[in-house]
C-alpha cells in the first residue's frame, strides 16, 4: 500500500475538469514528481489531496486512511504537509521563529499552557527546528530575518518551515521557482537528503534540470489528465510528453544543464575546500 493513493481523483468547475480521473501513488521513502504545462492542473491536484479544494469524484487515502471530508489542518496533523508557491514568511520574526510557528501544533488548551509555562513551545520543538535548519543548510542564518536574505535563501526557508512540521509526506509546489541553476541543484541535493530523515516527497516544478535529476518516479499531467508515468528516463523519452511539454530540445537541454551542474557540485563537494558552502545569491 502506497503512503498516498489517489484513485479516480476529479475536480470540476462547472463543465471544466481541472483534474480528470487521476490515479497516482506516492510510495514511502520515494521522491515523486509531477510535471506538466501551465494550467495542466498540478496545483489543483495538491489543493485537492490536502483538502483546500473539494473533490468532484474519486478518493484519496493517506497512510491507509481515507481522507474523505477531513479538513486541511487534520490532514496536516496526520503528516500530509505542503508548501505554497507564495512564501508568506513572517518578516518580523527570525528564521528560527518562522520554523517554530510551523513546528508547533496548537491545541485548544495551548494558550493556558503558554500562560503557565511561557516559552514552552520553543523548548519543546527546538530539536525538530534545528534538524530542519541543518537539513537545508540554514543553521548559520537562524537568527537572521527573512527580509535581509536573498531570494534563494528565502525559498529554502519556506521548505525548511514545512520540514519543521515533521511531515510523513512533504508536498512541494514549485520550490525552485526563481532560483538559478546552481541554487536549484543545491535544493535538489537537500531534497534527496530528506529521504534519509524519513520524509517522503512529492515535487511539482517546471525546472526539468531539477525534476529529472532528483525524482525516483514522475507523473505528467496535460489538460488535467495523466498522459505519462514512469522513471525520469522513461518520461524524458516519451513521445507524448515531448509533444505536450518538453518539446524536441528544450527539455533535454535543461535536463542536461542540470545534470552537468549537479556533477560539478558533487565534484566540488568531494574537495575539503568546499565544506560549509551555502546558497548566497
C-alpha atoms as a PDB file:
ATOM      1  CA  UNK A   1       0.000   0.000   0.000  1.00  0.00           C
ATOM      2  CA  UNK A   2       1.368   3.403  -1.030  1.00  0.00           C
ATOM      3  CA  UNK A   3       1.713   6.214   1.504  1.00  0.00           C
ATOM      4  CA  UNK A   4      -0.557   8.387  -0.659  1.00  0.00           C
ATOM      5  CA  UNK A   5      -3.110   6.931  -3.050  1.00  0.00           C
ATOM      6  CA  UNK A   6      -5.363   8.900  -5.383  1.00  0.00           C
ATOM      7  CA  UNK A   7      -7.944   6.917  -7.321  1.00  0.00           C
ATOM      8  CA  UNK A   8     -10.145   8.491  -9.955  1.00  0.00           C
ATOM      9  CA  UNK A   9      -9.491  11.918  -8.452  1.00  0.00           C
ATOM     10  CA  UNK A  10     -11.592  14.505 -10.263  1.00  0.00           C
ATOM     11  CA  UNK A  11     -12.001  18.219  -9.605  1.00  0.00           C
ATOM     12  CA  UNK A  12     -14.539  20.033 -11.756  1.00  0.00           C
ATOM     13  CA  UNK A  13     -15.523  23.660 -12.080  1.00  0.00           C
ATOM     14  CA  UNK A  14     -18.778  23.656 -13.968  1.00  0.00           C
ATOM     15  CA  UNK A  15     -18.106  21.641 -17.102  1.00  0.00           C
ATOM     16  CA  UNK A  16     -14.319  22.011 -16.833  1.00  0.00           C
ATOM     17  CA  UNK A  17     -12.322  19.113 -15.371  1.00  0.00           C
ATOM     18  CA  UNK A  18      -9.213  20.668 -13.806  1.00  0.00           C
ATOM     19  CA  UNK A  19      -8.292  17.145 -12.666  1.00  0.00           C
ATOM     20  CA  UNK A  20      -9.829  14.307 -14.617  1.00  0.00           C
ATOM     21  CA  UNK A  21      -9.863  10.760 -13.192  1.00  0.00           C
ATOM     22  CA  UNK A  22      -6.288  10.841 -11.842  1.00  0.00           C
ATOM     23  CA  UNK A  23      -4.686   7.707 -10.403  1.00  0.00           C
ATOM     24  CA  UNK A  24      -1.433   8.464  -8.589  1.00  0.00           C
ATOM     25  CA  UNK A  25       0.695   6.830  -5.871  1.00  0.00           C
ATOM     26  CA  UNK A  26       3.439   8.182  -3.627  1.00  0.00           C
ATOM     27  CA  UNK A  27       5.467   5.381  -2.099  1.00  0.00           C
ATOM     28  CA  UNK A  28       7.141   5.658   1.295  1.00  0.00           C
ATOM     29  CA  UNK A  29      10.780   6.668   1.008  1.00  0.00           C
ATOM     30  CA  UNK A  30      10.454   7.956  -2.564  1.00  0.00           C
ATOM     31  CA  UNK A  31      10.675  11.343  -4.259  1.00  0.00           C
ATOM     32  CA  UNK A  32       7.787  11.535  -6.731  1.00  0.00           C
ATOM     33  CA  UNK A  33       7.485  14.332  -9.290  1.00  0.00           C
ATOM     34  CA  UNK A  34       4.521  15.864 -11.090  1.00  0.00           C
ATOM     35  CA  UNK A  35       5.152  17.953 -14.185  1.00  0.00           C
ATOM     36  CA  UNK A  36       3.098  19.480 -16.965  1.00  0.00           C
ATOM     37  CA  UNK A  37       2.366  22.730 -18.806  1.00  0.00           C
ATOM     38  CA  UNK A  38       0.885  25.774 -17.077  1.00  0.00           C
ATOM     39  CA  UNK A  39      -2.798  25.161 -16.466  1.00  0.00           C
ATOM     40  CA  UNK A  40      -2.419  21.371 -16.543  1.00  0.00           C
ATOM     41  CA  UNK A  41      -3.952  21.033 -13.062  1.00  0.00           C
ATOM     42  CA  UNK A  42      -0.860  20.412 -10.922  1.00  0.00           C
ATOM     43  CA  UNK A  43      -1.587  22.852  -8.096  1.00  0.00           C
ATOM     44  CA  UNK A  44      -5.263  21.886  -8.185  1.00  0.00           C
ATOM     45  CA  UNK A  45      -4.170  18.308  -7.504  1.00  0.00           C
ATOM     46  CA  UNK A  46      -2.200  19.355  -4.410  1.00  0.00           C
ATOM     47  CA  UNK A  47      -5.115  21.522  -3.284  1.00  0.00           C
ATOM     48  CA  UNK A  48      -7.429  18.521  -3.648  1.00  0.00           C
ATOM     49  CA  UNK A  49      -5.355  15.999  -1.710  1.00  0.00           C
ATOM     50  CA  UNK A  50      -4.620  18.480   1.087  1.00  0.00           C
ATOM     51  CA  UNK A  51      -8.280  19.461   1.483  1.00  0.00           C
ATOM     52  CA  UNK A  52      -8.204  23.006   0.136  1.00  0.00           C
ATOM     53  CA  UNK A  53     -10.347  22.075  -2.877  1.00  0.00           C
ATOM     54  CA  UNK A  54     -13.295  19.634  -2.691  1.00  0.00           C
ATOM     55  CA  UNK A  55     -13.294  16.535  -4.889  1.00  0.00           C
ATOM     56  CA  UNK A  56     -15.920  16.129  -7.567  1.00  0.00           C
ATOM     57  CA  UNK A  57     -15.170  12.415  -7.753  1.00  0.00           C
ATOM     58  CA  UNK A  58     -12.735   9.720  -6.688  1.00  0.00           C
ATOM     59  CA  UNK A  59     -10.944   9.294  -3.384  1.00  0.00           C
ATOM     60  CA  UNK A  60      -7.676   9.996  -1.604  1.00  0.00           C
ATOM     61  CA  UNK A  61      -6.117   7.801   1.074  1.00  0.00           C
ATOM     62  CA  UNK A  62      -3.105   8.708   3.202  1.00  0.00           C
ATOM     63  CA  UNK A  63      -1.211   6.175   5.289  1.00  0.00           C
ATOM     64  CA  UNK A  64      -4.097   3.748   4.838  1.00  0.00           C
ATOM     65  CA  UNK A  65      -6.775   6.238   5.946  1.00  0.00           C
ATOM     66  CA  UNK A  66      -9.489   7.558   3.620  1.00  0.00           C
ATOM     67  CA  UNK A  67      -9.196  11.323   3.901  1.00  0.00           C
ATOM     68  CA  UNK A  68     -12.843  11.826   2.998  1.00  0.00           C
ATOM     69  CA  UNK A  69     -14.027  15.157   4.402  1.00  0.00           C
ATOM     70  CA  UNK A  70     -11.058  15.745   6.718  1.00  0.00           C
ATOM     71  CA  UNK A  71     -10.123  19.418   6.984  1.00  0.00           C
ATOM     72  CA  UNK A  72      -6.704  20.646   5.801  1.00  0.00           C
ATOM     73  CA  UNK A  73      -5.457  21.031   9.387  1.00  0.00           C
ATOM     74  CA  UNK A  74      -6.437  17.446  10.208  1.00  0.00           C
ATOM     75  CA  UNK A  75      -4.594  16.185   7.139  1.00  0.00           C
ATOM     76  CA  UNK A  76      -1.519  18.200   8.104  1.00  0.00           C
ATOM     77  CA  UNK A  77      -1.681  16.751  11.625  1.00  0.00           C
ATOM     78  CA  UNK A  78      -1.627  13.273  10.037  1.00  0.00           C
ATOM     79  CA  UNK A  79       1.674  14.165   8.349  1.00  0.00           C
ATOM     80  CA  UNK A  80       0.454  15.401   4.947  1.00  0.00           C
ATOM     81  CA  UNK A  81       2.210  18.777   4.771  1.00  0.00           C
ATOM     82  CA  UNK A  82       2.519  21.154   1.828  1.00  0.00           C
ATOM     83  CA  UNK A  83       4.255  24.324   0.739  1.00  0.00           C
ATOM     84  CA  UNK A  84       2.680  27.097  -1.304  1.00  0.00           C
ATOM     85  CA  UNK A  85       4.041  28.968  -4.316  1.00  0.00           C
ATOM     86  CA  UNK A  86       3.775  32.195  -2.299  1.00  0.00           C
ATOM     87  CA  UNK A  87       6.284  32.066   0.569  1.00  0.00           C
ATOM     88  CA  UNK A  88       4.328  34.241   3.039  1.00  0.00           C
ATOM     89  CA  UNK A  89       7.193  34.349   5.520  1.00  0.00           C
ATOM     90  CA  UNK A  90       6.835  36.301   8.765  1.00  0.00           C
ATOM     91  CA  UNK A  91       9.206  39.160   8.035  1.00  0.00           C
ATOM     92  CA  UNK A  92       9.302  40.424  11.637  1.00  0.00           C
ATOM     93  CA  UNK A  93      10.345  37.017  13.001  1.00  0.00           C
ATOM     94  CA  UNK A  94      13.739  35.380  12.802  1.00  0.00           C
ATOM     95  CA  UNK A  95      14.292  32.359  10.582  1.00  0.00           C
ATOM     96  CA  UNK A  96      14.198  30.114  13.665  1.00  0.00           C
ATOM     97  CA  UNK A  97      10.916  31.622  14.858  1.00  0.00           C
ATOM     98  CA  UNK A  98       9.398  31.192  11.385  1.00  0.00           C
ATOM     99  CA  UNK A  99      10.117  27.476  11.723  1.00  0.00           C
ATOM    100  CA  UNK A 100       8.826  27.318  15.296  1.00  0.00           C
ATOM    101  CA  UNK A 101       5.472  28.661  14.125  1.00  0.00           C
ATOM    102  CA  UNK A 102       5.195  25.711  11.746  1.00  0.00           C
ATOM    103  CA  UNK A 103       6.579  23.142  14.180  1.00  0.00           C
ATOM    104  CA  UNK A 104       4.093  23.768  16.972  1.00  0.00           C
ATOM    105  CA  UNK A 105       0.593  22.343  16.503  1.00  0.00           C
ATOM    106  CA  UNK A 106      -1.649  24.364  18.854  1.00  0.00           C
ATOM    107  CA  UNK A 107      -4.376  22.670  20.864  1.00  0.00           C
ATOM    108  CA  UNK A 108      -7.419  24.271  22.495  1.00  0.00           C
ATOM    109  CA  UNK A 109      -5.535  24.418  25.796  1.00  0.00           C
ATOM    110  CA  UNK A 110      -2.294  25.827  24.330  1.00  0.00           C
ATOM    111  CA  UNK A 111      -2.929  29.416  25.380  1.00  0.00           C
ATOM    112  CA  UNK A 112      -3.426  28.321  29.009  1.00  0.00           C
ATOM    113  CA  UNK A 113      -0.213  26.324  28.943  1.00  0.00           C
ATOM    114  CA  UNK A 114       1.627  29.323  27.497  1.00  0.00           C
ATOM    115  CA  UNK A 115       0.435  31.441  30.422  1.00  0.00           C
ATOM    116  CA  UNK A 116       1.699  28.915  32.969  1.00  0.00           C
ATOM    117  CA  UNK A 117       4.856  27.953  31.072  1.00  0.00           C
ATOM    118  CA  UNK A 118       5.853  30.820  28.774  1.00  0.00           C
ATOM    119  CA  UNK A 119       8.359  29.773  26.133  1.00  0.00           C
ATOM    120  CA  UNK A 120       7.466  26.086  26.457  1.00  0.00           C
ATOM    121  CA  UNK A 121       6.874  25.846  22.672  1.00  0.00           C
ATOM    122  CA  UNK A 122      10.388  26.962  21.777  1.00  0.00           C
ATOM    123  CA  UNK A 123      11.830  24.376  24.134  1.00  0.00           C
ATOM    124  CA  UNK A 124       9.566  21.500  23.072  1.00  0.00           C
ATOM    125  CA  UNK A 125      10.166  21.929  19.349  1.00  0.00           C
ATOM    126  CA  UNK A 126      13.786  23.117  19.347  1.00  0.00           C
ATOM    127  CA  UNK A 127      15.192  19.785  18.167  1.00  0.00           C
ATOM    128  CA  UNK A 128      12.958  19.441  15.111  1.00  0.00           C
ATOM    129  CA  UNK A 129      13.550  23.084  14.153  1.00  0.00           C
ATOM    130  CA  UNK A 130      17.316  22.593  14.458  1.00  0.00           C
ATOM    131  CA  UNK A 131      17.052  19.442  12.339  1.00  0.00           C
ATOM    132  CA  UNK A 132      15.158  21.323   9.622  1.00  0.00           C
ATOM    133  CA  UNK A 133      17.658  24.194   9.649  1.00  0.00           C
ATOM    134  CA  UNK A 134      20.559  21.773   9.318  1.00  0.00           C
ATOM    135  CA  UNK A 135      18.855  19.808   6.525  1.00  0.00           C
ATOM    136  CA  UNK A 136      18.585  22.976   4.412  1.00  0.00           C
ATOM    137  CA  UNK A 137      21.992  24.398   5.353  1.00  0.00           C
ATOM    138  CA  UNK A 138      20.399  27.342   7.189  1.00  0.00           C
ATOM    139  CA  UNK A 139      21.814  26.906  10.692  1.00  0.00           C
ATOM    140  CA  UNK A 140      24.082  29.953  10.389  1.00  0.00           C
ATOM    141  CA  UNK A 141      21.062  32.080   9.399  1.00  0.00           C
ATOM    142  CA  UNK A 142      18.794  31.010  12.282  1.00  0.00           C
ATOM    143  CA  UNK A 143      18.844  34.452  13.940  1.00  0.00           C
ATOM    144  CA  UNK A 144      18.538  36.459  10.720  1.00  0.00           C
ATOM    145  CA  UNK A 145      15.288  37.990   9.441  1.00  0.00           C
ATOM    146  CA  UNK A 146      13.912  36.846   6.064  1.00  0.00           C
ATOM    147  CA  UNK A 147      13.920  40.378   4.688  1.00  0.00           C
ATOM    148  CA  UNK A 148      17.705  40.503   4.975  1.00  0.00           C
ATOM    149  CA  UNK A 149      18.260  37.344   2.934  1.00  0.00           C
ATOM    150  CA  UNK A 150      18.481  36.507  -0.764  1.00  0.00           C
ATOM    151  CA  UNK A 151      15.617  35.047  -2.765  1.00  0.00           C
ATOM    152  CA  UNK A 152      17.323  31.666  -2.873  1.00  0.00           C
ATOM    153  CA  UNK A 153      17.724  31.603   0.904  1.00  0.00           C
ATOM    154  CA  UNK A 154      14.096  32.653   1.407  1.00  0.00           C
ATOM    155  CA  UNK A 155      12.934  29.770  -0.780  1.00  0.00           C
ATOM    156  CA  UNK A 156      14.951  27.375   1.382  1.00  0.00           C
ATOM    157  CA  UNK A 157      13.339  28.842   4.497  1.00  0.00           C
ATOM    158  CA  UNK A 158       9.914  28.070   3.045  1.00  0.00           C
ATOM    159  CA  UNK A 159      10.904  24.443   2.542  1.00  0.00           C
ATOM    160  CA  UNK A 160      12.564  24.246   5.980  1.00  0.00           C
ATOM    161  CA  UNK A 161       9.411  25.595   7.591  1.00  0.00           C
ATOM    162  CA  UNK A 162       7.375  22.752   6.104  1.00  0.00           C
ATOM    163  CA  UNK A 163      10.026  20.233   7.118  1.00  0.00           C
ATOM    164  CA  UNK A 164       9.917  21.521  10.711  1.00  0.00           C
ATOM    165  CA  UNK A 165       6.303  20.307  10.922  1.00  0.00           C
ATOM    166  CA  UNK A 166       7.672  16.709  10.851  1.00  0.00           C
ATOM    167  CA  UNK A 167       5.711  15.512   7.801  1.00  0.00           C
ATOM    168  CA  UNK A 168       5.425  11.941   6.613  1.00  0.00           C
ATOM    169  CA  UNK A 169       4.872  13.268   3.088  1.00  0.00           C
ATOM    170  CA  UNK A 170       6.011  16.749   2.088  1.00  0.00           C
ATOM    171  CA  UNK A 171       4.308  18.237  -0.975  1.00  0.00           C
ATOM    172  CA  UNK A 172       6.370  20.959  -2.633  1.00  0.00           C
ATOM    173  CA  UNK A 173       4.651  23.339  -5.050  1.00  0.00           C
ATOM    174  CA  UNK A 174       7.337  24.879  -7.314  1.00  0.00           C
ATOM    175  CA  UNK A 175      10.063  25.338  -4.668  1.00  0.00           C
ATOM    176  CA  UNK A 176      12.668  26.132  -7.355  1.00  0.00           C
ATOM    177  CA  UNK A 177      10.698  28.989  -8.955  1.00  0.00           C
ATOM    178  CA  UNK A 178      13.029  31.968  -9.315  1.00  0.00           C
ATOM    179  CA  UNK A 179      16.194  30.025  -8.476  1.00  0.00           C
ATOM    180  CA  UNK A 180      19.169  29.866 -10.799  1.00  0.00           C
ATOM    181  CA  UNK A 181      20.564  26.502 -11.940  1.00  0.00           C
ATOM    182  CA  UNK A 182      23.109  26.139  -9.134  1.00  0.00           C
ATOM    183  CA  UNK A 183      20.573  27.066  -6.447  1.00  0.00           C
ATOM    184  CA  UNK A 184      18.078  24.643  -7.947  1.00  0.00           C
ATOM    185  CA  UNK A 185      20.550  21.776  -7.943  1.00  0.00           C
ATOM    186  CA  UNK A 186      21.577  22.553  -4.366  1.00  0.00           C
ATOM    187  CA  UNK A 187      17.903  22.411  -3.433  1.00  0.00           C
ATOM    188  CA  UNK A 188      17.654  19.041  -5.177  1.00  0.00           C
ATOM    189  CA  UNK A 189      20.508  17.646  -3.110  1.00  0.00           C
ATOM    190  CA  UNK A 190      18.805  18.874   0.062  1.00  0.00           C
ATOM    191  CA  UNK A 191      15.552  17.202  -1.018  1.00  0.00           C
ATOM    192  CA  UNK A 192      17.261  13.859  -1.563  1.00  0.00           C
ATOM    193  CA  UNK A 193      18.664  14.215   1.942  1.00  0.00           C
ATOM    194  CA  UNK A 194      15.128  14.477   3.344  1.00  0.00           C
ATOM    195  CA  UNK A 195      14.596  10.818   2.435  1.00  0.00           C
ATOM    196  CA  UNK A 196      17.292   9.882   4.948  1.00  0.00           C
ATOM    197  CA  UNK A 197      15.258  11.721   7.600  1.00  0.00           C
ATOM    198  CA  UNK A 198      12.250   9.511   6.901  1.00  0.00           C
ATOM    199  CA  UNK A 199      10.345  12.135   4.906  1.00  0.00           C
ATOM    200  CA  UNK A 200       8.800  11.115   1.582  1.00  0.00           C
ATOM    201  CA  UNK A 201       8.397  13.830  -1.060  1.00  0.00           C
ATOM    202  CA  UNK A 202       6.032  14.920  -3.803  1.00  0.00           C
ATOM    203  CA  UNK A 203       7.508  17.611  -6.056  1.00  0.00           C
ATOM    204  CA  UNK A 204       5.858  19.921  -8.565  1.00  0.00           C
ATOM    205  CA  UNK A 205       8.216  22.103 -10.560  1.00  0.00           C
ATOM    206  CA  UNK A 206       8.879  23.439 -14.059  1.00  0.00           C
ATOM    207  CA  UNK A 207      12.656  23.075 -13.660  1.00  0.00           C
ATOM    208  CA  UNK A 208      13.376  19.909 -15.638  1.00  0.00           C
ATOM    209  CA  UNK A 209      17.006  20.017 -14.565  1.00  0.00           C
ATOM    210  CA  UNK A 210      15.748  19.532 -11.016  1.00  0.00           C
ATOM    211  CA  UNK A 211      12.848  17.127 -11.558  1.00  0.00           C
ATOM    212  CA  UNK A 212      14.566  14.758 -13.985  1.00  0.00           C
ATOM    213  CA  UNK A 213      17.688  14.520 -11.858  1.00  0.00           C
ATOM    214  CA  UNK A 214      16.249  14.055  -8.353  1.00  0.00           C
ATOM    215  CA  UNK A 215      12.933  12.186  -8.713  1.00  0.00           C
ATOM    216  CA  UNK A 216      12.524   8.425  -8.461  1.00  0.00           C
ATOM    217  CA  UNK A 217       9.198   8.461 -10.250  1.00  0.00           C
ATOM    218  CA  UNK A 218       7.406  11.087 -12.373  1.00  0.00           C
ATOM    219  CA  UNK A 219       3.813  11.692 -13.438  1.00  0.00           C
ATOM    220  CA  UNK A 220       2.960  14.034 -16.315  1.00  0.00           C
ATOM    221  CA  UNK A 221      -0.303  15.983 -16.467  1.00  0.00           C
ATOM    222  CA  UNK A 222      -1.836  17.645 -19.506  1.00  0.00           C
ATOM    223  CA  UNK A 223      -5.342  19.136 -19.563  1.00  0.00           C
ATOM    224  CA  UNK A 224      -6.000  17.576 -16.162  1.00  0.00           C
ATOM    225  CA  UNK A 225      -5.148  14.013 -17.201  1.00  0.00           C
ATOM    226  CA  UNK A 226      -2.115  11.813 -16.592  1.00  0.00           C
ATOM    227  CA  UNK A 227      -0.518  11.287 -20.007  1.00  0.00           C
ATOM    228  CA  UNK A 228       2.625   9.506 -18.814  1.00  0.00           C
ATOM    229  CA  UNK A 229       4.124   7.877 -15.742  1.00  0.00           C
ATOM    230  CA  UNK A 230       7.489   6.268 -15.179  1.00  0.00           C
ATOM    231  CA  UNK A 231      11.104   6.754 -14.257  1.00  0.00           C
ATOM    232  CA  UNK A 232      12.821  10.006 -15.297  1.00  0.00           C
ATOM    233  CA  UNK A 233      14.449   8.174 -18.227  1.00  0.00           C
ATOM    234  CA  UNK A 234      11.109   6.798 -19.417  1.00  0.00           C
ATOM    235  CA  UNK A 235       9.325  10.140 -19.106  1.00  0.00           C
ATOM    236  CA  UNK A 236      12.180  12.001 -20.777  1.00  0.00           C
ATOM    237  CA  UNK A 237      11.866   9.854 -23.903  1.00  0.00           C
ATOM    238  CA  UNK A 238       8.053   9.569 -24.001  1.00  0.00           C
ATOM    239  CA  UNK A 239       6.719  10.925 -27.289  1.00  0.00           C
ATOM    240  CA  UNK A 240       3.517  12.248 -25.714  1.00  0.00           C
ATOM    241  CA  UNK A 241       5.473  14.135 -23.062  1.00  0.00           C
ATOM    242  CA  UNK A 242       7.830  15.646 -25.618  1.00  0.00           C
ATOM    243  CA  UNK A 243       4.896  16.803 -27.732  1.00  0.00           C
ATOM    244  CA  UNK A 244       2.865  18.187 -24.830  1.00  0.00           C
ATOM    245  CA  UNK A 245       5.518  19.667 -22.601  1.00  0.00           C
ATOM    246  CA  UNK A 246       9.248  19.130 -23.055  1.00  0.00           C
ATOM    247  CA  UNK A 247       9.493  19.996 -26.724  1.00  0.00           C
ATOM    248  CA  UNK A 248      12.001  18.407 -29.029  1.00  0.00           C
ATOM    249  CA  UNK A 249      15.039  20.038 -27.455  1.00  0.00           C
ATOM    250  CA  UNK A 250      14.185  22.467 -24.644  1.00  0.00           C
ATOM    251  CA  UNK A 251      13.576  19.818 -22.009  1.00  0.00           C
ATOM    252  CA  UNK A 252      16.658  17.871 -22.997  1.00  0.00           C
ATOM    253  CA  UNK A 253      18.811  20.990 -22.854  1.00  0.00           C
ATOM    254  CA  UNK A 254      17.542  21.957 -19.416  1.00  0.00           C
ATOM    255  CA  UNK A 255      17.933  18.433 -18.084  1.00  0.00           C
ATOM    256  CA  UNK A 256      21.471  18.210 -19.431  1.00  0.00           C
ATOM    257  CA  UNK A 257      22.378  21.569 -17.890  1.00  0.00           C
ATOM    258  CA  UNK A 258      21.008  20.425 -14.542  1.00  0.00           C
ATOM    259  CA  UNK A 259      22.908  17.137 -14.712  1.00  0.00           C
ATOM    260  CA  UNK A 260      26.158  18.918 -15.590  1.00  0.00           C
ATOM    261  CA  UNK A 261      25.769  21.415 -12.749  1.00  0.00           C
ATOM    262  CA  UNK A 262      24.953  18.635 -10.320  1.00  0.00           C
ATOM    263  CA  UNK A 263      28.076  16.726 -11.363  1.00  0.00           C
ATOM    264  CA  UNK A 264      30.262  19.815 -10.933  1.00  0.00           C
ATOM    265  CA  UNK A 265      28.892  20.488  -7.460  1.00  0.00           C
ATOM    266  CA  UNK A 266      29.289  16.856  -6.451  1.00  0.00           C
ATOM    267  CA  UNK A 267      32.918  17.001  -7.543  1.00  0.00           C
ATOM    268  CA  UNK A 268      33.422  20.248  -5.647  1.00  0.00           C
ATOM    269  CA  UNK A 269      31.878  18.771  -2.509  1.00  0.00           C
ATOM    270  CA  UNK A 270      34.455  15.992  -2.593  1.00  0.00           C
ATOM    271  CA  UNK A 271      37.112  18.661  -2.018  1.00  0.00           C
ATOM    272  CA  UNK A 272      37.717  19.829   1.583  1.00  0.00           C
ATOM    273  CA  UNK A 273      37.846  23.428   0.386  1.00  0.00           C
ATOM    274  CA  UNK A 274      34.113  23.317  -0.426  1.00  0.00           C
ATOM    275  CA  UNK A 275      32.977  22.496   3.113  1.00  0.00           C
ATOM    276  CA  UNK A 276      30.366  24.863   4.546  1.00  0.00           C
ATOM    277  CA  UNK A 277      29.275  26.477   1.285  1.00  0.00           C
ATOM    278  CA  UNK A 278      25.706  27.798   1.308  1.00  0.00           C
ATOM    279  CA  UNK A 279      23.307  29.495  -1.072  1.00  0.00           C
ATOM    280  CA  UNK A 280      24.452  33.069  -1.291  1.00  0.00           C
ATOM    281  CA  UNK A 281      22.965  34.573  -4.422  1.00  0.00           C
END
